[in-house]
Amino acid sequence: EDDVDLEALVNDMDASLESLCAASETVPLLHNGQHSRGPVPRARVLQPQAAPRQRVQRSQPVSILAVRRLQEEDLHLRTSSLPAIPNPFPELCGPGSPPALTPGSLPPGPAAAKQDVKVFSEDGTSKVVEILADMTARDLCQLLVYRSHCVDDNSWALVEHHPHLGLERCLEDHELVVQVESTMASESKFLFRKNYAKYEFFKNPMNFFPEQMVTWCQQSNGSHTQLLQNFLNSSSCPEIQGFLHVKELGRKSWKKLYVCLRRSGLYCSTKGASKEPRHLQLLADLEDSSIFSLIAGRKQYSAPTDYGFCIKPNRVRNEAKELRLLCAEDEQSRTCWMTACRLLKVG
């Protein structure tokens, strides 16, 4: 009676362990890993069966499951104690969600503005060229040389021509064509032709400025390079002076006055050839103006000579009464005045 059936005892222990594992595996879990408080279904208790002794080794996976369950519960306790932090970018979390910036989500950039410009040749023919708003006069000349199959010898120029005012001028290389056209009247047009004296000043500056017209030359004997640098220097500039025929605004009469060109503008003397500040009167401001040549000054404006030029405010389109008209005695004097005005204006 005191003898214990060891085989039956081992079988009972094995059956108890298996029933415990089956019961723990059937306990439902919430989504956050906590055990449900609902009724736990009863685990089915396996009846002890006679089995070989090797079944004791099947208890090894039970300890692995228990350790894994303890690790999960410990992780849940640690994470549940931390405060909940909302995700500021939920759209970036999901792998299936689209990217925050798509190619079409950004607004399109402003397209470069284009405009048609009509240009006339010397033979009277014309062509319409589509250009960008930031195209300069030099760029347009290069384009016209290429399209017209001309020889590019750096002498081609774009000329602003006003037939109703009898004025014309060569555009500076840096000027924007569209901006210049916006100040032109409907009768005005662009001409594409050669101007061999376009860069002559930079080759022979002394030919443009006679010594008797330049104050700087009278004060010191400078070389060609010094004269050129002095004109291009913004801090100092030689004064151009001499007698010019000046047309009175709003009248047909002309007066011969002593005129001097300074960085602040073009002045005339009210007392002979005096250059004292109290005797100087402003004729024209070059800040917002352009320098033109007179085409037919004698016929249209009763000019006293054929060597007339004009200082035209950019706001003026058809009003000849606001033009500042002047006449020199010869071509060299006119070239000197016009070149000096251009250099003071654009540098």
C-alpha atoms as a PDB file:
ATOM      1  CA  GLU A   1       0.000   0.000   0.000  1.00  0.00           C
ATOM      2  CA  ASP A   2       2.864   2.397   0.772  1.00  0.00           C
ATOM      3  CA  ASP A   3       4.388   1.771  -2.597  1.00  0.00           C
ATOM      4  CA  VAL A   4       3.995   4.790  -4.924  1.00  0.00           C
ATOM      5  CA  ASP A   5       3.308   4.239  -8.567  1.00  0.00           C
ATOM      6  CA  LEU A   6       6.022   6.515 -10.027  1.00  0.00           C
ATOM      7  CA  GLU A   7       4.848   6.068 -13.566  1.00  0.00           C
ATOM      8  CA  ALA A   8       1.325   7.189 -12.744  1.00  0.00           C
ATOM      9  CA  LEU A   9       2.655  10.227 -10.846  1.00  0.00           C
ATOM     10  CA  VAL A  10       4.779  11.348 -13.782  1.00  0.00           C
ATOM     11  CA  ASN A  11       1.845  11.016 -16.141  1.00  0.00           C
ATOM     12  CA  ASP A  12      -0.323  13.130 -13.853  1.00  0.00           C
ATOM     13  CA  MET A  13       2.305  15.908 -13.724  1.00  0.00           C
ATOM     14  CA  ASP A  14       2.666  15.869 -17.497  1.00  0.00           C
ATOM     15  CA  ALA A  15      -1.064  16.121 -17.972  1.00  0.00           C
ATOM     16  CA  SER A  16      -1.296  19.069 -15.547  1.00  0.00           C
ATOM     17  CA  LEU A  17       1.406  21.021 -17.390  1.00  0.00           C
ATOM     18  CA  GLU A  18      -0.250  20.476 -20.756  1.00  0.00           C
ATOM     19  CA  SER A  19      -3.626  21.593 -19.436  1.00  0.00           C
ATOM     20  CA  LEU A  20      -2.031  24.750 -17.978  1.00  0.00           C
ATOM     21  CA  CYS A  21      -0.457  25.637 -21.322  1.00  0.00           C
ATOM     22  CA  ALA A  22      -3.703  25.018 -23.165  1.00  0.00           C
ATOM     23  CA  ALA A  23      -5.578  27.260 -20.739  1.00  0.00           C
ATOM     24  CA  SER A  24      -3.091  30.129 -21.046  1.00  0.00           C
ATOM     25  CA  GLU A  25      -3.128  29.954 -24.820  1.00  0.00           C
ATOM     26  CA  THR A  26      -6.909  30.328 -24.946  1.00  0.00           C
ATOM     27  CA  VAL A  27      -7.032  33.511 -22.789  1.00  0.00           C
ATOM     28  CA  PRO A  28      -8.107  36.395 -25.145  1.00  0.00           C
ATOM     29  CA  LEU A  29      -5.959  39.533 -25.293  1.00  0.00           C
ATOM     30  CA  LEU A  30      -6.926  43.101 -25.994  1.00  0.00           C
ATOM     31  CA  HIS A  31      -5.276  45.038 -28.803  1.00  0.00           C
ATOM     32  CA  ASN A  32      -2.894  46.700 -26.347  1.00  0.00           C
ATOM     33  CA  GLY A  33      -1.673  43.405 -24.869  1.00  0.00           C
ATOM     34  CA  GLN A  34      -3.694  43.458 -21.603  1.00  0.00           C
ATOM     35  CA  HIS A  35      -5.671  40.463 -20.518  1.00  0.00           C
ATOM     36  CA  SER A  36      -9.396  40.585 -21.013  1.00  0.00           C
ATOM     37  CA  ARG A  37     -11.546  40.823 -17.927  1.00  0.00           C
ATOM     38  CA  GLY A  38     -14.293  38.772 -19.427  1.00  0.00           C
ATOM     39  CA  PRO A  39     -15.012  35.175 -18.496  1.00  0.00           C
ATOM     40  CA  VAL A  40     -12.151  32.907 -19.320  1.00  0.00           C
ATOM     41  CA  PRO A  41     -13.226  29.766 -21.129  1.00  0.00           C
ATOM     42  CA  ARG A  42     -12.423  26.669 -19.259  1.00  0.00           C
ATOM     43  CA  ALA A  43      -9.570  24.728 -20.604  1.00  0.00           C
ATOM     44  CA  ARG A  44     -10.206  21.191 -21.472  1.00  0.00           C
ATOM     45  CA  VAL A  45      -8.343  18.944 -19.075  1.00  0.00           C
ATOM     46  CA  LEU A  46      -6.688  16.115 -20.781  1.00  0.00           C
ATOM     47  CA  GLN A  47      -7.239  12.764 -19.259  1.00  0.00           C
ATOM     48  CA  PRO A  48      -4.101  11.082 -18.107  1.00  0.00           C
ATOM     49  CA  GLN A  49      -3.001   8.571 -20.593  1.00  0.00           C
ATOM     50  CA  ALA A  50      -0.297   6.088 -20.533  1.00  0.00           C
ATOM     51  CA  ALA A  51       2.615   7.461 -22.468  1.00  0.00           C
ATOM     52  CA  PRO A  52       6.252   6.667 -22.698  1.00  0.00           C
ATOM     53  CA  ARG A  53       8.656   8.599 -20.476  1.00  0.00           C
ATOM     54  CA  GLN A  54       9.982  10.585 -23.404  1.00  0.00           C
ATOM     55  CA  ARG A  55       6.879  12.855 -23.254  1.00  0.00           C
ATOM     56  CA  VAL A  56       8.459  14.687 -20.341  1.00  0.00           C
ATOM     57  CA  GLN A  57      10.777  16.357 -22.856  1.00  0.00           C
ATOM     58  CA  ARG A  58       7.758  18.036 -24.487  1.00  0.00           C
ATOM     59  CA  SER A  59       7.637  20.466 -21.593  1.00  0.00           C
ATOM     60  CA  GLN A  60      10.574  22.402 -23.086  1.00  0.00           C
ATOM     61  CA  PRO A  61       8.426  24.584 -25.427  1.00  0.00           C
ATOM     62  CA  VAL A  62       6.197  25.494 -22.484  1.00  0.00           C
ATOM     63  CA  SER A  63       8.943  27.398 -20.722  1.00  0.00           C
ATOM     64  CA  ILE A  64       9.795  29.259 -23.979  1.00  0.00           C
ATOM     65  CA  LEU A  65       6.185  30.426 -24.394  1.00  0.00           C
ATOM     66  CA  ALA A  66       6.044  31.545 -20.798  1.00  0.00           C
ATOM     67  CA  VAL A  67       9.227  33.599 -21.108  1.00  0.00           C
ATOM     68  CA  ARG A  68       7.960  35.210 -24.317  1.00  0.00           C
ATOM     69  CA  ARG A  69       4.663  36.096 -22.627  1.00  0.00           C
ATOM     70  CA  LEU A  70       6.487  37.662 -19.676  1.00  0.00           C
ATOM     71  CA  GLN A  71       8.623  39.740 -22.032  1.00  0.00           C
ATOM     72  CA  GLU A  72       5.537  41.027 -23.847  1.00  0.00           C
ATOM     73  CA  GLU A  73       3.820  41.938 -20.589  1.00  0.00           C
ATOM     74  CA  ASP A  74       6.915  43.761 -19.347  1.00  0.00           C
ATOM     75  CA  LEU A  75       7.134  45.730 -22.596  1.00  0.00           C
ATOM     76  CA  HIS A  76       3.468  46.652 -22.325  1.00  0.00           C
ATOM     77  CA  LEU A  77       3.882  47.902 -18.765  1.00  0.00           C
ATOM     78  CA  ARG A  78       6.815  50.106 -19.735  1.00  0.00           C
ATOM     79  CA  THR A  79       5.139  51.639 -22.785  1.00  0.00           C
ATOM     80  CA  SER A  80       1.786  52.160 -21.101  1.00  0.00           C
ATOM     81  CA  SER A  81       3.439  54.238 -18.378  1.00  0.00           C
ATOM     82  CA  LEU A  82       4.738  56.781 -20.944  1.00  0.00           C
ATOM     83  CA  PRO A  83       2.496  59.699 -21.998  1.00  0.00           C
ATOM     84  CA  ALA A  84       0.872  59.422 -25.399  1.00  0.00           C
ATOM     85  CA  ILE A  85       2.555  61.698 -27.995  1.00  0.00           C
ATOM     86  CA  PRO A  86       0.472  62.441 -31.091  1.00  0.00           C
ATOM     87  CA  ASN A  87       2.163  62.018 -34.446  1.00  0.00           C
ATOM     88  CA  PRO A  88       2.437  65.445 -36.116  1.00  0.00           C
ATOM     89  CA  PHE A  89       2.824  63.914 -39.581  1.00  0.00           C
ATOM     90  CA  PRO A  90       0.410  60.972 -39.813  1.00  0.00           C
ATOM     91  CA  GLU A  91       0.424  61.143 -43.608  1.00  0.00           C
ATOM     92  CA  LEU A  92       4.104  60.166 -43.645  1.00  0.00           C
ATOM     93  CA  CYS A  93       3.704  57.006 -41.577  1.00  0.00           C
ATOM     94  CA  GLY A  94       1.832  54.609 -43.756  1.00  0.00           C
ATOM     95  CA  PRO A  95       3.799  52.890 -46.486  1.00  0.00           C
ATOM     96  CA  GLY A  96       0.843  53.140 -48.806  1.00  0.00           C
ATOM     97  CA  SER A  97       0.228  56.827 -48.217  1.00  0.00           C
ATOM     98  CA  PRO A  98       1.332  59.230 -50.988  1.00  0.00           C
ATOM     99  CA  PRO A  99       4.344  61.509 -50.411  1.00  0.00           C
ATOM    100  CA  ALA A 100       3.725  64.879 -48.838  1.00  0.00           C
ATOM    101  CA  LEU A 101       5.019  66.750 -51.936  1.00  0.00           C
ATOM    102  CA  THR A 102       4.029  65.488 -55.322  1.00  0.00           C
ATOM    103  CA  PRO A 103       5.266  66.925 -58.643  1.00  0.00           C
ATOM    104  CA  GLY A 104       1.950  68.681 -59.178  1.00  0.00           C
ATOM    105  CA  SER A 105       1.456  69.960 -55.631  1.00  0.00           C
ATOM    106  CA  LEU A 106       3.792  72.966 -56.028  1.00  0.00           C
ATOM    107  CA  PRO A 107       2.516  76.019 -57.925  1.00  0.00           C
ATOM    108  CA  PRO A 108       4.109  76.422 -61.353  1.00  0.00           C
ATOM    109  CA  GLY A 109       6.772  79.109 -61.652  1.00  0.00           C
ATOM    110  CA  PRO A 110       6.136  82.199 -63.761  1.00  0.00           C
ATOM    111  CA  ALA A 111       6.860  81.564 -67.404  1.00  0.00           C
ATOM    112  CA  ALA A 112       9.270  83.861 -69.169  1.00  0.00           C
ATOM    113  CA  ALA A 113       7.270  86.560 -70.974  1.00  0.00           C
ATOM    114  CA  LYS A 114       7.663  86.738 -74.732  1.00  0.00           C
ATOM    115  CA  GLN A 115       6.812  89.523 -77.134  1.00  0.00           C
ATOM    116  CA  ASP A 116       6.857  90.048 -80.866  1.00  0.00           C
ATOM    117  CA  VAL A 117       9.087  92.860 -82.103  1.00  0.00           C
ATOM    118  CA  LYS A 118       9.064  94.171 -85.662  1.00  0.00           C
ATOM    119  CA  VAL A 119      12.451  95.194 -87.046  1.00  0.00           C
ATOM    120  CA  PHE A 120      13.061  96.967 -90.360  1.00  0.00           C
ATOM    121  CA  SER A 121      16.131  96.631 -92.557  1.00  0.00           C
ATOM    122  CA  GLU A 122      17.787  99.344 -94.628  1.00  0.00           C
ATOM    123  CA  ASP A 123      16.088  98.087 -97.801  1.00  0.00           C
ATOM    124  CA  GLY A 124      12.628  98.614 -96.260  1.00  0.00           C
ATOM    125  CA  THR A 125      11.859  94.967 -95.564  1.00  0.00           C
ATOM    126  CA  SER A 126      10.821  93.910 -92.100  1.00  0.00           C
ATOM    127  CA  LYS A 127      10.593  90.783 -90.008  1.00  0.00           C
ATOM    128  CA  VAL A 128       8.816  89.948 -86.795  1.00  0.00           C
ATOM    129  CA  VAL A 129      10.991  88.380 -84.117  1.00  0.00           C
ATOM    130  CA  GLU A 130       9.726  86.754 -80.935  1.00  0.00           C
ATOM    131  CA  ILE A 131      12.000  87.744 -78.066  1.00  0.00           C
ATOM    132  CA  LEU A 132      12.073  87.382 -74.295  1.00  0.00           C
ATOM    133  CA  ALA A 133      11.330  90.319 -72.050  1.00  0.00           C
ATOM    134  CA  ASP A 134      14.913  90.417 -70.768  1.00  0.00           C
ATOM    135  CA  MET A 135      16.620  90.409 -74.175  1.00  0.00           C
ATOM    136  CA  THR A 136      19.090  93.242 -74.658  1.00  0.00           C
ATOM    137  CA  ALA A 137      19.784  95.207 -77.819  1.00  0.00           C
ATOM    138  CA  ARG A 138      23.074  93.398 -78.324  1.00  0.00           C
ATOM    139  CA  ASP A 139      21.383  90.000 -77.998  1.00  0.00           C
ATOM    140  CA  LEU A 140      18.777  90.975 -80.581  1.00  0.00           C
ATOM    141  CA  CYS A 141      21.489  92.184 -82.969  1.00  0.00           C
ATOM    142  CA  GLN A 142      23.285  88.859 -82.626  1.00  0.00           C
ATOM    143  CA  LEU A 143      20.025  87.026 -83.305  1.00  0.00           C
ATOM    144  CA  LEU A 144      19.294  89.125 -86.394  1.00  0.00           C
ATOM    145  CA  VAL A 145      22.842  88.630 -87.696  1.00  0.00           C
ATOM    146  CA  TYR A 146      22.409  84.878 -87.353  1.00  0.00           C
ATOM    147  CA  ARG A 147      18.987  84.769 -89.005  1.00  0.00           C
ATOM    148  CA  SER A 148      19.940  87.160 -91.795  1.00  0.00           C
ATOM    149  CA  HIS A 149      23.234  85.354 -92.508  1.00  0.00           C
ATOM    150  CA  CYS A 150      25.184  88.599 -92.128  1.00  0.00           C
ATOM    151  CA  VAL A 151      28.860  89.014 -91.358  1.00  0.00           C
ATOM    152  CA  ASP A 152      29.255  89.658 -87.649  1.00  0.00           C
ATOM    153  CA  ASP A 153      31.833  92.463 -87.453  1.00  0.00           C
ATOM    154  CA  ASN A 154      30.507  94.121 -84.252  1.00  0.00           C
ATOM    155  CA  SER A 155      29.197  97.083 -86.228  1.00  0.00           C
ATOM    156  CA  TRP A 156      25.507  96.129 -86.348  1.00  0.00           C
ATOM    157  CA  ALA A 157      23.211  98.271 -84.247  1.00  0.00           C
ATOM    158  CA  LEU A 158      19.549  98.510 -83.332  1.00  0.00           C
ATOM    159  CA  VAL A 159      18.270 102.011 -84.088  1.00  0.00           C
ATOM    160  CA  GLU A 160      15.260 103.641 -82.424  1.00  0.00           C
ATOM    161  CA  HIS A 161      13.620 105.689 -85.179  1.00  0.00           C
ATOM    162  CA  HIS A 162      10.891 108.330 -84.684  1.00  0.00           C
ATOM    163  CA  PRO A 163       9.884 109.661 -88.125  1.00  0.00           C
ATOM    164  CA  HIS A 164       7.146 111.974 -86.786  1.00  0.00           C
ATOM    165  CA  LEU A 165       9.676 113.679 -84.489  1.00  0.00           C
ATOM    166  CA  GLY A 166      12.630 113.492 -86.856  1.00  0.00           C
ATOM    167  CA  LEU A 167      14.785 111.680 -84.275  1.00  0.00           C
ATOM    168  CA  GLU A 168      16.834 108.517 -84.135  1.00  0.00           C
ATOM    169  CA  ARG A 169      19.479 106.931 -81.941  1.00  0.00           C
ATOM    170  CA  CYS A 170      21.424 103.689 -81.567  1.00  0.00           C
ATOM    171  CA  LEU A 171      20.391 101.650 -78.569  1.00  0.00           C
ATOM    172  CA  GLU A 172      23.066 100.896 -76.008  1.00  0.00           C
ATOM    173  CA  ASP A 173      24.092  97.253 -75.830  1.00  0.00           C
ATOM    174  CA  HIS A 174      22.656  96.730 -72.338  1.00  0.00           C
ATOM    175  CA  GLU A 175      19.229  98.294 -72.970  1.00  0.00           C
ATOM    176  CA  LEU A 176      16.178  96.019 -72.859  1.00  0.00           C
ATOM    177  CA  VAL A 177      14.374  96.048 -76.189  1.00  0.00           C
ATOM    178  CA  VAL A 178      10.908  95.474 -74.723  1.00  0.00           C
ATOM    179  CA  GLN A 179      11.376  98.295 -72.232  1.00  0.00           C
ATOM    180  CA  VAL A 180      12.465 100.721 -74.954  1.00  0.00           C
ATOM    181  CA  GLU A 181       9.556  99.731 -77.171  1.00  0.00           C
ATOM    182  CA  SER A 182       7.106 100.492 -74.353  1.00  0.00           C
ATOM    183  CA  THR A 183       8.123 104.180 -74.555  1.00  0.00           C
ATOM    184  CA  MET A 184       7.747 104.396 -78.344  1.00  0.00           C
ATOM    185  CA  ALA A 185       4.741 105.738 -80.212  1.00  0.00           C
ATOM    186  CA  SER A 186       2.854 103.699 -82.795  1.00  0.00           C
ATOM    187  CA  GLU A 187       4.624 105.496 -85.658  1.00  0.00           C
ATOM    188  CA  SER A 188       8.068 104.673 -84.272  1.00  0.00           C
ATOM    189  CA  LYS A 189      10.029 101.588 -85.278  1.00  0.00           C
ATOM    190  CA  PHE A 190      13.287  99.707 -84.906  1.00  0.00           C
ATOM    191  CA  LEU A 191      15.918  99.720 -87.654  1.00  0.00           C
ATOM    192  CA  PHE A 192      18.654  97.124 -88.056  1.00  0.00           C
ATOM    193  CA  ARG A 193      21.673  98.646 -89.734  1.00  0.00           C
ATOM    194  CA  LYS A 194      25.407  99.182 -89.403  1.00  0.00           C
ATOM    195  CA  ASN A 195      27.077 101.839 -87.287  1.00  0.00           C
ATOM    196  CA  TYR A 196      30.833 101.751 -87.768  1.00  0.00           C
ATOM    197  CA  ALA A 197      31.424 104.404 -85.098  1.00  0.00           C
ATOM    198  CA  LYS A 198      29.654 102.368 -82.421  1.00  0.00           C
ATOM    199  CA  TYR A 199      32.817 101.602 -80.421  1.00  0.00           C
ATOM    200  CA  GLU A 200      35.118 104.205 -81.932  1.00  0.00           C
ATOM    201  CA  PHE A 201      35.317 106.219 -78.742  1.00  0.00           C
ATOM    202  CA  PHE A 202      37.043 103.367 -76.913  1.00  0.00           C
ATOM    203  CA  LYS A 203      39.688 103.178 -79.651  1.00  0.00           C
ATOM    204  CA  ASN A 204      40.404 106.888 -80.188  1.00  0.00           C
ATOM    205  CA  PRO A 205      38.926 108.919 -77.318  1.00  0.00           C
ATOM    206  CA  MET A 206      40.952 112.058 -78.076  1.00  0.00           C
ATOM    207  CA  ASN A 207      39.335 112.363 -81.503  1.00  0.00           C
ATOM    208  CA  PHE A 208      35.963 112.880 -79.846  1.00  0.00           C
ATOM    209  CA  PHE A 209      36.937 115.629 -77.419  1.00  0.00           C
ATOM    210  CA  PRO A 210      38.796 118.708 -78.679  1.00  0.00           C
ATOM    211  CA  GLU A 211      40.986 120.304 -76.045  1.00  0.00           C
ATOM    212  CA  GLN A 212      39.131 123.607 -76.142  1.00  0.00           C
ATOM    213  CA  MET A 213      35.891 121.834 -75.164  1.00  0.00           C
ATOM    214  CA  VAL A 214      37.177 119.794 -72.222  1.00  0.00           C
ATOM    215  CA  THR A 215      38.120 121.476 -68.954  1.00  0.00           C
ATOM    216  CA  TRP A 216      40.139 118.488 -67.822  1.00  0.00           C
ATOM    217  CA  CYS A 217      42.461 118.798 -70.846  1.00  0.00           C
ATOM    218  CA  GLN A 218      43.116 122.443 -70.060  1.00  0.00           C
ATOM    219  CA  GLN A 219      44.148 121.647 -66.496  1.00  0.00           C
ATOM    220  CA  SER A 220      46.549 118.773 -67.185  1.00  0.00           C
ATOM    221  CA  ASN A 221      48.087 117.067 -70.154  1.00  0.00           C
ATOM    222  CA  GLY A 222      46.589 113.606 -69.815  1.00  0.00           C
ATOM    223  CA  SER A 223      47.098 110.645 -72.056  1.00  0.00           C
ATOM    224  CA  HIS A 224      44.371 108.869 -73.967  1.00  0.00           C
ATOM    225  CA  THR A 225      44.032 106.272 -71.240  1.00  0.00           C
ATOM    226  CA  GLN A 226      43.731 108.904 -68.513  1.00  0.00           C
ATOM    227  CA  LEU A 227      41.003 110.723 -70.406  1.00  0.00           C
ATOM    228  CA  LEU A 228      39.064 107.528 -70.946  1.00  0.00           C
ATOM    229  CA  GLN A 229      39.349 106.459 -67.328  1.00  0.00           C
ATOM    230  CA  ASN A 230      38.356 109.926 -66.179  1.00  0.00           C
ATOM    231  CA  PHE A 231      35.138 109.761 -68.181  1.00  0.00           C
ATOM    232  CA  LEU A 232      34.275 106.300 -66.898  1.00  0.00           C
ATOM    233  CA  ASN A 233      35.034 107.167 -63.284  1.00  0.00           C
ATOM    234  CA  SER A 234      31.886 107.957 -61.316  1.00  0.00           C
ATOM    235  CA  SER A 235      33.694 110.125 -58.761  1.00  0.00           C
ATOM    236  CA  SER A 236      35.183 112.621 -61.224  1.00  0.00           C
ATOM    237  CA  CYS A 237      34.323 113.811 -64.692  1.00  0.00           C
ATOM    238  CA  PRO A 238      35.703 116.503 -66.983  1.00  0.00           C
ATOM    239  CA  GLU A 239      33.326 119.259 -67.951  1.00  0.00           C
ATOM    240  CA  ILE A 240      32.353 119.779 -71.572  1.00  0.00           C
ATOM    241  CA  GLN A 241      31.655 123.392 -72.435  1.00  0.00           C
ATOM    242  CA  GLY A 242      31.073 125.491 -75.500  1.00  0.00           C
ATOM    243  CA  PHE A 243      28.528 127.491 -77.426  1.00  0.00           C
ATOM    244  CA  LEU A 244      25.414 125.758 -78.751  1.00  0.00           C
ATOM    245  CA  HIS A 245      22.248 126.880 -80.469  1.00  0.00           C
ATOM    246  CA  VAL A 246      19.392 126.114 -78.081  1.00  0.00           C
ATOM    247  CA  LYS A 247      15.734 126.025 -79.124  1.00  0.00           C
ATOM    248  CA  GLU A 248      13.346 127.530 -76.618  1.00  0.00           C
ATOM    249  CA  LEU A 249      10.668 125.171 -75.343  1.00  0.00           C
ATOM    250  CA  GLY A 250       7.319 125.780 -77.004  1.00  0.00           C
ATOM    251  CA  ARG A 251       8.774 128.279 -79.491  1.00  0.00           C
ATOM    252  CA  LYS A 252      10.380 128.229 -82.912  1.00  0.00           C
ATOM    253  CA  SER A 253      13.220 130.583 -82.033  1.00  0.00           C
ATOM    254  CA  TRP A 254      16.792 129.531 -81.327  1.00  0.00           C
ATOM    255  CA  LYS A 255      19.393 131.190 -79.094  1.00  0.00           C
ATOM    256  CA  LYS A 256      23.137 130.773 -79.013  1.00  0.00           C
ATOM    257  CA  LEU A 257      24.142 130.114 -75.414  1.00  0.00           C
ATOM    258  CA  TYR A 258      27.219 129.041 -73.526  1.00  0.00           C
ATOM    259  CA  VAL A 259      26.490 125.497 -72.356  1.00  0.00           C
ATOM    260  CA  CYS A 260      28.382 123.249 -69.956  1.00  0.00           C
ATOM    261  CA  LEU A 261      27.789 119.591 -69.214  1.00  0.00           C
ATOM    262  CA  ARG A 262      28.170 118.403 -65.657  1.00  0.00           C
ATOM    263  CA  ARG A 263      27.320 115.158 -63.918  1.00  0.00           C
ATOM    264  CA  SER A 264      24.167 116.740 -62.506  1.00  0.00           C
ATOM    265  CA  GLY A 265      22.872 117.746 -65.943  1.00  0.00           C
ATOM    266  CA  LEU A 266      23.182 120.135 -68.869  1.00  0.00           C
ATOM    267  CA  TYR A 267      23.358 123.836 -67.968  1.00  0.00           C
ATOM    268  CA  CYS A 268      23.422 127.125 -69.854  1.00  0.00           C
ATOM    269  CA  SER A 269      24.893 130.382 -68.673  1.00  0.00           C
ATOM    270  CA  THR A 270      22.645 133.393 -68.324  1.00  0.00           C
ATOM    271  CA  LYS A 271      25.626 135.750 -68.406  1.00  0.00           C
ATOM    272  CA  GLY A 272      27.944 135.222 -71.334  1.00  0.00           C
ATOM    273  CA  ALA A 273      30.486 132.456 -70.754  1.00  0.00           C
ATOM    274  CA  SER A 274      30.305 132.620 -66.963  1.00  0.00           C
ATOM    275  CA  LYS A 275      30.261 129.259 -65.183  1.00  0.00           C
ATOM    276  CA  GLU A 276      29.480 130.584 -61.742  1.00  0.00           C
ATOM    277  CA  PRO A 277      26.672 128.619 -60.064  1.00  0.00           C
ATOM    278  CA  ARG A 278      24.460 131.695 -59.779  1.00  0.00           C
ATOM    279  CA  HIS A 279      24.653 132.187 -63.545  1.00  0.00           C
ATOM    280  CA  LEU A 280      23.912 128.570 -64.525  1.00  0.00           C
ATOM    281  CA  GLN A 281      20.424 127.453 -65.461  1.00  0.00           C
ATOM    282  CA  LEU A 282      19.424 123.813 -65.908  1.00  0.00           C
ATOM    283  CA  LEU A 283      18.518 122.926 -69.473  1.00  0.00           C
ATOM    284  CA  ALA A 284      17.972 119.179 -69.206  1.00  0.00           C
ATOM    285  CA  ASP A 285      18.334 116.335 -66.748  1.00  0.00           C
ATOM    286  CA  LEU A 286      19.934 113.247 -68.271  1.00  0.00           C
ATOM    287  CA  GLU A 287      18.705 110.852 -65.601  1.00  0.00           C
ATOM    288  CA  ASP A 288      15.513 109.754 -67.365  1.00  0.00           C
ATOM    289  CA  SER A 289      16.239 110.898 -70.909  1.00  0.00           C
ATOM    290  CA  SER A 290      17.855 109.656 -74.115  1.00  0.00           C
ATOM    291  CA  ILE A 291      20.160 111.372 -76.614  1.00  0.00           C
ATOM    292  CA  PHE A 292      18.975 111.514 -80.253  1.00  0.00           C
ATOM    293  CA  SER A 293      20.266 112.894 -83.529  1.00  0.00           C
ATOM    294  CA  LEU A 294      18.113 115.246 -85.591  1.00  0.00           C
ATOM    295  CA  ILE A 295      17.335 113.755 -89.010  1.00  0.00           C
ATOM    296  CA  ALA A 296      15.995 116.868 -90.771  1.00  0.00           C
ATOM    297  CA  GLY A 297      16.414 119.658 -88.251  1.00  0.00           C
ATOM    298  CA  ARG A 298      16.374 122.530 -90.719  1.00  0.00           C
ATOM    299  CA  LYS A 299      13.129 121.464 -92.346  1.00  0.00           C
ATOM    300  CA  GLN A 300      11.208 120.289 -89.303  1.00  0.00           C
ATOM    301  CA  TYR A 301      12.502 122.571 -86.549  1.00  0.00           C
ATOM    302  CA  SER A 302      14.093 125.467 -88.474  1.00  0.00           C
ATOM    303  CA  ALA A 303      17.467 124.550 -87.034  1.00  0.00           C
ATOM    304  CA  PRO A 304      20.337 126.966 -87.802  1.00  0.00           C
ATOM    305  CA  THR A 305      22.740 124.116 -88.753  1.00  0.00           C
ATOM    306  CA  ASP A 306      22.621 120.512 -89.922  1.00  0.00           C
ATOM    307  CA  TYR A 307      24.321 119.212 -86.773  1.00  0.00           C
ATOM    308  CA  GLY A 308      21.448 119.058 -84.366  1.00  0.00           C
ATOM    309  CA  PHE A 309      20.776 116.672 -81.505  1.00  0.00           C
ATOM    310  CA  CYS A 310      18.049 116.279 -78.935  1.00  0.00           C
ATOM    311  CA  ILE A 311      17.600 115.327 -75.291  1.00  0.00           C
ATOM    312  CA  LYS A 312      14.257 113.540 -75.177  1.00  0.00           C
ATOM    313  CA  PRO A 313      12.582 112.568 -71.885  1.00  0.00           C
ATOM    314  CA  ASN A 314      11.537 108.925 -71.932  1.00  0.00           C
ATOM    315  CA  ARG A 315       7.965 109.822 -70.991  1.00  0.00           C
ATOM    316  CA  VAL A 316       7.537 111.876 -74.184  1.00  0.00           C
ATOM    317  CA  ARG A 317       6.001 110.056 -77.171  1.00  0.00           C
ATOM    318  CA  ASN A 318       4.554 112.575 -79.631  1.00  0.00           C
ATOM    319  CA  GLU A 319       4.944 115.949 -77.906  1.00  0.00           C
ATOM    320  CA  ALA A 320       7.667 117.867 -79.734  1.00  0.00           C
ATOM    321  CA  LYS A 321       7.224 120.850 -77.426  1.00  0.00           C
ATOM    322  CA  GLU A 322       8.935 118.969 -74.558  1.00  0.00           C
ATOM    323  CA  LEU A 323      12.043 118.113 -76.573  1.00  0.00           C
ATOM    324  CA  ARG A 324      15.276 119.882 -75.725  1.00  0.00           C
ATOM    325  CA  LEU A 325      16.754 120.645 -79.166  1.00  0.00           C
ATOM    326  CA  LEU A 326      20.342 121.820 -79.635  1.00  0.00           C
ATOM    327  CA  CYS A 327      22.628 122.481 -82.605  1.00  0.00           C
ATOM    328  CA  ALA A 328      26.414 122.462 -82.903  1.00  0.00           C
ATOM    329  CA  GLU A 329      28.566 124.257 -85.460  1.00  0.00           C
ATOM    330  CA  ASP A 330      30.134 121.118 -86.947  1.00  0.00           C
ATOM    331  CA  GLU A 331      30.007 117.332 -86.812  1.00  0.00           C
ATOM    332  CA  GLN A 332      32.949 116.994 -84.431  1.00  0.00           C
ATOM    333  CA  SER A 333      31.310 119.262 -81.877  1.00  0.00           C
ATOM    334  CA  ARG A 334      28.008 117.418 -82.128  1.00  0.00           C
ATOM    335  CA  THR A 335      29.763 114.060 -81.717  1.00  0.00           C
ATOM    336  CA  CYS A 336      31.590 115.392 -78.673  1.00  0.00           C
ATOM    337  CA  TRP A 337      28.417 116.577 -76.973  1.00  0.00           C
ATOM    338  CA  MET A 338      26.420 113.446 -77.747  1.00  0.00           C
ATOM    339  CA  THR A 339      29.206 111.082 -76.669  1.00  0.00           C
ATOM    340  CA  ALA A 340      29.741 112.977 -73.423  1.00  0.00           C
ATOM    341  CA  CYS A 341      26.009 112.880 -72.657  1.00  0.00           C
ATOM    342  CA  ARG A 342      25.875 109.145 -73.320  1.00  0.00           C
ATOM    343  CA  LEU A 343      28.870 108.481 -71.072  1.00  0.00           C
ATOM    344  CA  LEU A 344      27.468 110.580 -68.252  1.00  0.00           C
ATOM    345  CA  LYS A 345      24.134 108.813 -68.549  1.00  0.00           C
ATOM    346  CA  VAL A 346      25.116 105.154 -68.870  1.00  0.00           C
ATOM    347  CA  GLY A 347      28.838 105.137 -68.020  1.00  0.00           C
END
